[in-house]
Amino acid sequence: AVLTAPFPLKELCIRPEGILDKLSAAFGWDDIDFESAEFSREFHVNAPDRRWAFDVLHPRAIAYLMECPRYEIHFSRNQVAVRGRSRFEPWEFSKSLEMGETLLRGIPEFARRSE
């Protein structure tokens, strides 16, 4: 599912943490870690602008994602894409749209301005 935002977005990737991510971390190739250790264990987060990643993934957004199915979420330019690891069932497509909309609505006003 791909949604268009009415404001610019920066590059950000949120995806379920995999075994290769855990091995890579052992060699120093780590992702962004958050205050929620549980979230950091469950998700691999990567962004060129770490501050923007923290603005988007505030505690409320983290709590929301912990309750959702584990989809990959990619932010870029003015779009957010939410995808699963395989073909979506009909209910999964609507859930992915809801996730994208909820995350977009949750981005604070100050983080919606382009620099």
N, C-alpha and C. Protein backbone atom coordinates (compact mmCIF):
# COMPACT_ATOMS: atom_id res chain seq x y z
N ALA A 1 0.85 -1.17 0.00
CA ALA A 1 0.00 0.00 0.00
C ALA A 1 0.89 1.23 0.00
N VAL A 2 0.57 2.19 -0.85
CA VAL A 2 1.35 3.41 -0.93
C VAL A 2 0.43 4.59 -0.70
N LEU A 3 0.82 5.47 0.20
CA LEU A 3 0.05 6.68 0.49
C LEU A 3 0.88 7.90 0.17
N THR A 4 0.23 8.95 -0.27
CA THR A 4 0.90 10.22 -0.56
C THR A 4 0.63 11.18 0.58
N ALA A 5 1.70 11.77 1.10
CA ALA A 5 1.58 12.73 2.20
C ALA A 5 1.42 14.14 1.63
N PRO A 6 0.69 15.01 2.34
CA PRO A 6 0.53 16.39 1.88
C PRO A 6 1.72 17.28 2.30
N PHE A 7 2.80 16.65 2.74
CA PHE A 7 4.00 17.37 3.16
C PHE A 7 5.21 16.51 2.82
N PRO A 8 6.40 17.10 2.75
CA PRO A 8 7.59 16.31 2.38
C PRO A 8 8.00 15.34 3.49
N LEU A 9 8.48 14.19 3.06
CA LEU A 9 8.99 13.18 3.99
C LEU A 9 10.47 12.98 3.71
N LYS A 10 11.16 12.46 4.69
CA LYS A 10 12.57 12.10 4.52
C LYS A 10 12.69 10.58 4.46
N GLU A 11 13.84 10.12 4.01
CA GLU A 11 14.08 8.68 3.92
C GLU A 11 14.05 8.06 5.31
N LEU A 12 13.29 6.97 5.43
CA LEU A 12 13.19 6.24 6.68
C LEU A 12 12.67 4.85 6.36
N CYS A 13 13.33 3.84 6.90
CA CYS A 13 12.90 2.46 6.71
C CYS A 13 12.72 1.80 8.07
N ILE A 14 11.55 1.22 8.27
CA ILE A 14 11.22 0.50 9.50
C ILE A 14 10.80 -0.89 9.05
N ARG A 15 11.49 -1.92 9.56
CA ARG A 15 11.12 -3.28 9.18
C ARG A 15 11.39 -4.23 10.33
N PRO A 16 10.76 -5.39 10.28
CA PRO A 16 11.01 -6.36 11.34
C PRO A 16 12.50 -6.73 11.38
N GLU A 17 13.03 -6.85 12.58
CA GLU A 17 14.43 -7.24 12.77
C GLU A 17 14.59 -8.69 12.36
N GLY A 18 15.61 -8.98 11.60
CA GLY A 18 15.88 -10.35 11.15
C GLY A 18 17.18 -10.88 11.72
N ILE A 19 17.44 -12.13 11.50
CA ILE A 19 18.65 -12.77 12.02
C ILE A 19 19.90 -12.13 11.42
N LEU A 20 19.85 -11.76 10.14
CA LEU A 20 21.01 -11.10 9.53
C LEU A 20 21.29 -9.74 10.16
N ASP A 21 20.22 -9.05 10.59
CA ASP A 21 20.41 -7.77 11.27
C ASP A 21 21.14 -7.98 12.59
N LYS A 22 20.78 -9.02 13.31
CA LYS A 22 21.43 -9.31 14.59
C LYS A 22 22.90 -9.67 14.38
N LEU A 23 23.20 -10.42 13.33
CA LEU A 23 24.59 -10.76 13.03
C LEU A 23 25.37 -9.52 12.60
N SER A 24 24.76 -8.67 11.79
CA SER A 24 25.42 -7.44 11.34
C SER A 24 25.75 -6.54 12.51
N ALA A 25 24.84 -6.47 13.49
CA ALA A 25 25.06 -5.64 14.67
C ALA A 25 26.29 -6.10 15.44
N ALA A 26 26.53 -7.39 15.44
CA ALA A 26 27.70 -7.93 16.13
C ALA A 26 28.99 -7.42 15.50
N PHE A 27 28.94 -7.03 14.22
CA PHE A 27 30.12 -6.52 13.52
C PHE A 27 30.11 -4.99 13.42
N GLY A 28 29.21 -4.35 14.15
CA GLY A 28 29.19 -2.89 14.20
C GLY A 28 28.27 -2.21 13.22
N TRP A 29 27.56 -2.95 12.38
CA TRP A 29 26.62 -2.34 11.43
C TRP A 29 25.24 -2.33 12.08
N ASP A 30 25.02 -1.37 12.89
CA ASP A 30 23.80 -1.34 13.69
C ASP A 30 22.79 -0.36 13.11
N ASP A 31 21.55 -0.52 13.54
CA ASP A 31 20.49 0.39 13.15
C ASP A 31 20.30 1.43 14.25
N ILE A 32 19.23 2.21 14.16
CA ILE A 32 18.93 3.22 15.17
C ILE A 32 18.23 2.53 16.34
N ASP A 33 18.73 2.77 17.53
CA ASP A 33 18.12 2.21 18.74
C ASP A 33 17.28 3.28 19.43
N PHE A 34 16.16 2.85 19.98
CA PHE A 34 15.22 3.75 20.65
C PHE A 34 15.18 3.44 22.14
N GLU A 35 14.54 4.33 22.90
CA GLU A 35 14.42 4.11 24.35
C GLU A 35 13.72 2.81 24.67
N SER A 36 12.79 2.42 23.83
CA SER A 36 12.09 1.15 24.03
C SER A 36 12.99 0.01 23.54
N ALA A 37 13.57 -0.71 24.49
CA ALA A 37 14.44 -1.84 24.13
C ALA A 37 13.66 -2.90 23.37
N GLU A 38 12.40 -3.09 23.75
CA GLU A 38 11.57 -4.08 23.07
C GLU A 38 11.37 -3.69 21.60
N PHE A 39 11.08 -2.42 21.34
CA PHE A 39 10.92 -1.95 19.96
C PHE A 39 12.22 -2.14 19.18
N SER A 40 13.34 -1.78 19.79
CA SER A 40 14.63 -1.90 19.12
C SER A 40 14.99 -3.35 18.82
N ARG A 41 14.54 -4.28 19.65
CA ARG A 41 14.76 -5.71 19.38
C ARG A 41 13.87 -6.21 18.25
N GLU A 42 12.66 -5.68 18.16
CA GLU A 42 11.67 -6.15 17.19
C GLU A 42 11.82 -5.52 15.81
N PHE A 43 12.33 -4.29 15.74
CA PHE A 43 12.38 -3.55 14.48
C PHE A 43 13.79 -3.06 14.16
N HIS A 44 14.11 -3.10 12.88
CA HIS A 44 15.33 -2.53 12.34
C HIS A 44 14.94 -1.18 11.73
N VAL A 45 15.54 -0.10 12.20
CA VAL A 45 15.20 1.24 11.72
C VAL A 45 16.46 1.88 11.16
N ASN A 46 16.34 2.41 9.95
CA ASN A 46 17.46 3.02 9.28
C ASN A 46 17.00 4.32 8.63
N ALA A 47 17.79 5.38 8.81
CA ALA A 47 17.47 6.68 8.20
C ALA A 47 18.73 7.52 8.13
N PRO A 48 18.93 8.24 7.03
CA PRO A 48 20.08 9.16 6.96
C PRO A 48 19.98 10.28 8.00
N ASP A 49 18.76 10.73 8.26
CA ASP A 49 18.52 11.79 9.25
C ASP A 49 17.95 11.14 10.51
N ARG A 50 18.83 10.80 11.43
CA ARG A 50 18.42 10.09 12.66
C ARG A 50 17.44 10.93 13.49
N ARG A 51 17.65 12.23 13.51
CA ARG A 51 16.76 13.10 14.30
C ARG A 51 15.32 13.00 13.78
N TRP A 52 15.17 12.99 12.44
CA TRP A 52 13.83 12.88 11.87
C TRP A 52 13.22 11.53 12.21
N ALA A 53 14.03 10.49 12.24
CA ALA A 53 13.52 9.16 12.63
C ALA A 53 12.98 9.21 14.05
N PHE A 54 13.69 9.87 14.96
CA PHE A 54 13.21 9.99 16.34
C PHE A 54 11.94 10.85 16.41
N ASP A 55 11.84 11.88 15.54
CA ASP A 55 10.63 12.71 15.51
C ASP A 55 9.42 11.90 15.06
N VAL A 56 9.60 11.04 14.07
CA VAL A 56 8.50 10.23 13.55
C VAL A 56 8.16 9.09 14.51
N LEU A 57 9.19 8.47 15.05
CA LEU A 57 8.98 7.31 15.94
C LEU A 57 9.04 7.75 17.40
N HIS A 58 8.11 8.59 17.77
CA HIS A 58 7.96 9.04 19.15
C HIS A 58 7.28 7.91 19.94
N PRO A 59 7.23 8.01 21.27
CA PRO A 59 6.69 6.91 22.08
C PRO A 59 5.29 6.43 21.67
N ARG A 60 4.42 7.32 21.27
CA ARG A 60 3.07 6.91 20.86
C ARG A 60 3.11 6.08 19.57
N ALA A 61 3.95 6.50 18.61
CA ALA A 61 4.09 5.76 17.35
C ALA A 61 4.72 4.39 17.61
N ILE A 62 5.69 4.34 18.49
CA ILE A 62 6.33 3.07 18.84
C ILE A 62 5.32 2.12 19.47
N ALA A 63 4.53 2.63 20.41
CA ALA A 63 3.51 1.78 21.05
C ALA A 63 2.52 1.27 20.01
N TYR A 64 2.13 2.12 19.08
CA TYR A 64 1.21 1.72 18.02
C TYR A 64 1.81 0.60 17.17
N LEU A 65 3.05 0.76 16.73
CA LEU A 65 3.69 -0.25 15.88
C LEU A 65 3.87 -1.58 16.61
N MET A 66 4.07 -1.54 17.91
CA MET A 66 4.24 -2.78 18.67
C MET A 66 2.95 -3.60 18.68
N GLU A 67 1.81 -2.94 18.46
CA GLU A 67 0.51 -3.62 18.44
C GLU A 67 0.08 -4.05 17.04
N CYS A 68 0.81 -3.63 16.03
CA CYS A 68 0.43 -3.89 14.64
C CYS A 68 1.14 -5.13 14.08
N PRO A 69 0.64 -5.63 12.95
CA PRO A 69 1.39 -6.68 12.23
C PRO A 69 2.77 -6.15 11.84
N ARG A 70 3.71 -7.03 11.69
CA ARG A 70 5.09 -6.64 11.39
C ARG A 70 5.29 -6.47 9.88
N TYR A 71 4.98 -5.26 9.39
CA TYR A 71 5.16 -4.93 7.99
C TYR A 71 6.39 -4.04 7.84
N GLU A 72 6.91 -3.97 6.63
CA GLU A 72 7.97 -3.02 6.31
C GLU A 72 7.32 -1.68 5.96
N ILE A 73 7.92 -0.60 6.44
CA ILE A 73 7.39 0.73 6.19
C ILE A 73 8.53 1.59 5.66
N HIS A 74 8.31 2.19 4.51
CA HIS A 74 9.33 3.02 3.87
C HIS A 74 8.77 4.42 3.61
N PHE A 75 9.47 5.42 4.11
CA PHE A 75 9.13 6.82 3.86
C PHE A 75 10.13 7.36 2.84
N SER A 76 9.63 8.13 1.86
CA SER A 76 10.51 8.75 0.87
C SER A 76 9.77 9.88 0.17
N ARG A 77 10.42 11.00 0.03
CA ARG A 77 9.88 12.19 -0.64
C ARG A 77 8.54 12.59 -0.05
N ASN A 78 7.44 12.22 -0.69
CA ASN A 78 6.13 12.53 -0.11
C ASN A 78 5.25 11.28 -0.07
N GLN A 79 5.89 10.11 -0.02
CA GLN A 79 5.12 8.86 0.02
C GLN A 79 5.58 7.94 1.14
N VAL A 80 4.64 7.17 1.61
CA VAL A 80 4.95 6.12 2.58
C VAL A 80 4.39 4.82 2.00
N ALA A 81 5.22 3.79 2.00
CA ALA A 81 4.81 2.48 1.49
C ALA A 81 4.84 1.49 2.65
N VAL A 82 3.79 0.70 2.73
CA VAL A 82 3.68 -0.34 3.76
C VAL A 82 3.50 -1.66 3.03
N ARG A 83 4.40 -2.60 3.32
CA ARG A 83 4.31 -3.88 2.61
C ARG A 83 4.61 -5.03 3.54
N GLY A 84 4.04 -6.16 3.19
CA GLY A 84 4.28 -7.39 3.92
C GLY A 84 5.35 -8.21 3.25
N ARG A 85 5.64 -9.34 3.82
CA ARG A 85 6.68 -10.21 3.26
C ARG A 85 6.13 -11.08 2.12
N SER A 86 4.84 -11.18 2.03
CA SER A 86 4.23 -11.97 0.96
C SER A 86 2.99 -11.23 0.48
N ARG A 87 2.21 -11.90 -0.30
CA ARG A 87 0.99 -11.31 -0.84
C ARG A 87 -0.01 -11.00 0.28
N PHE A 88 -0.61 -9.81 0.22
CA PHE A 88 -1.59 -9.39 1.22
C PHE A 88 -2.91 -10.13 1.06
N GLU A 89 -3.48 -10.50 2.17
CA GLU A 89 -4.88 -10.90 2.21
C GLU A 89 -5.68 -9.59 2.23
N PRO A 90 -6.98 -9.61 1.87
CA PRO A 90 -7.76 -8.36 1.83
C PRO A 90 -7.71 -7.57 3.15
N TRP A 91 -7.83 -8.23 4.28
CA TRP A 91 -7.81 -7.51 5.56
C TRP A 91 -6.43 -6.90 5.82
N GLU A 92 -5.38 -7.50 5.29
CA GLU A 92 -4.04 -6.96 5.50
C GLU A 92 -3.84 -5.67 4.71
N PHE A 93 -4.43 -5.58 3.55
CA PHE A 93 -4.30 -4.37 2.74
C PHE A 93 -4.92 -3.19 3.48
N SER A 94 -6.12 -3.38 4.03
CA SER A 94 -6.75 -2.28 4.77
C SER A 94 -5.96 -1.93 6.02
N LYS A 95 -5.37 -2.92 6.67
CA LYS A 95 -4.55 -2.66 7.86
C LYS A 95 -3.29 -1.89 7.48
N SER A 96 -2.69 -2.22 6.34
CA SER A 96 -1.48 -1.51 5.92
C SER A 96 -1.80 -0.04 5.61
N LEU A 97 -2.94 0.21 4.98
CA LEU A 97 -3.36 1.59 4.73
C LEU A 97 -3.58 2.34 6.04
N GLU A 98 -4.24 1.68 6.98
CA GLU A 98 -4.48 2.29 8.30
C GLU A 98 -3.15 2.62 8.99
N MET A 99 -2.19 1.70 8.91
CA MET A 99 -0.89 1.95 9.54
C MET A 99 -0.21 3.16 8.92
N GLY A 100 -0.18 3.25 7.60
CA GLY A 100 0.43 4.39 6.94
C GLY A 100 -0.24 5.69 7.31
N GLU A 101 -1.57 5.70 7.30
CA GLU A 101 -2.32 6.91 7.66
C GLU A 101 -2.06 7.31 9.10
N THR A 102 -2.05 6.34 10.01
CA THR A 102 -1.83 6.63 11.43
C THR A 102 -0.44 7.21 11.65
N LEU A 103 0.57 6.64 11.00
CA LEU A 103 1.93 7.16 11.16
C LEU A 103 2.05 8.55 10.57
N LEU A 104 1.45 8.80 9.41
CA LEU A 104 1.51 10.14 8.82
C LEU A 104 0.83 11.17 9.71
N ARG A 105 -0.35 10.83 10.23
CA ARG A 105 -1.07 11.77 11.11
C ARG A 105 -0.27 12.06 12.38
N GLY A 106 0.51 11.09 12.82
CA GLY A 106 1.26 11.24 14.07
C GLY A 106 2.56 12.02 13.94
N ILE A 107 2.97 12.34 12.73
CA ILE A 107 4.21 13.11 12.57
C ILE A 107 3.96 14.52 13.09
N PRO A 108 4.77 14.96 14.05
CA PRO A 108 4.56 16.30 14.63
C PRO A 108 4.68 17.40 13.58
N GLU A 109 3.99 18.49 13.81
CA GLU A 109 3.97 19.61 12.87
C GLU A 109 5.37 20.11 12.55
N PHE A 110 6.24 20.23 13.56
CA PHE A 110 7.59 20.74 13.31
C PHE A 110 8.41 19.81 12.40
N ALA A 111 8.09 18.53 12.37
CA ALA A 111 8.81 17.57 11.53
C ALA A 111 8.25 17.51 10.11
N ARG A 112 7.17 18.21 9.87
CA ARG A 112 6.54 18.21 8.54
C ARG A 112 7.12 19.26 7.62
N ARG A 113 7.93 20.13 8.13
CA ARG A 113 8.53 21.20 7.31
C ARG A 113 9.81 20.70 6.69
N SER A 114 10.00 21.01 5.44
CA SER A 114 11.26 20.62 4.79
C SER A 114 12.34 21.61 5.19
N GLU A 115 13.57 21.15 5.19
CA GLU A 115 14.68 22.00 5.61
C GLU A 115 15.46 22.48 4.42
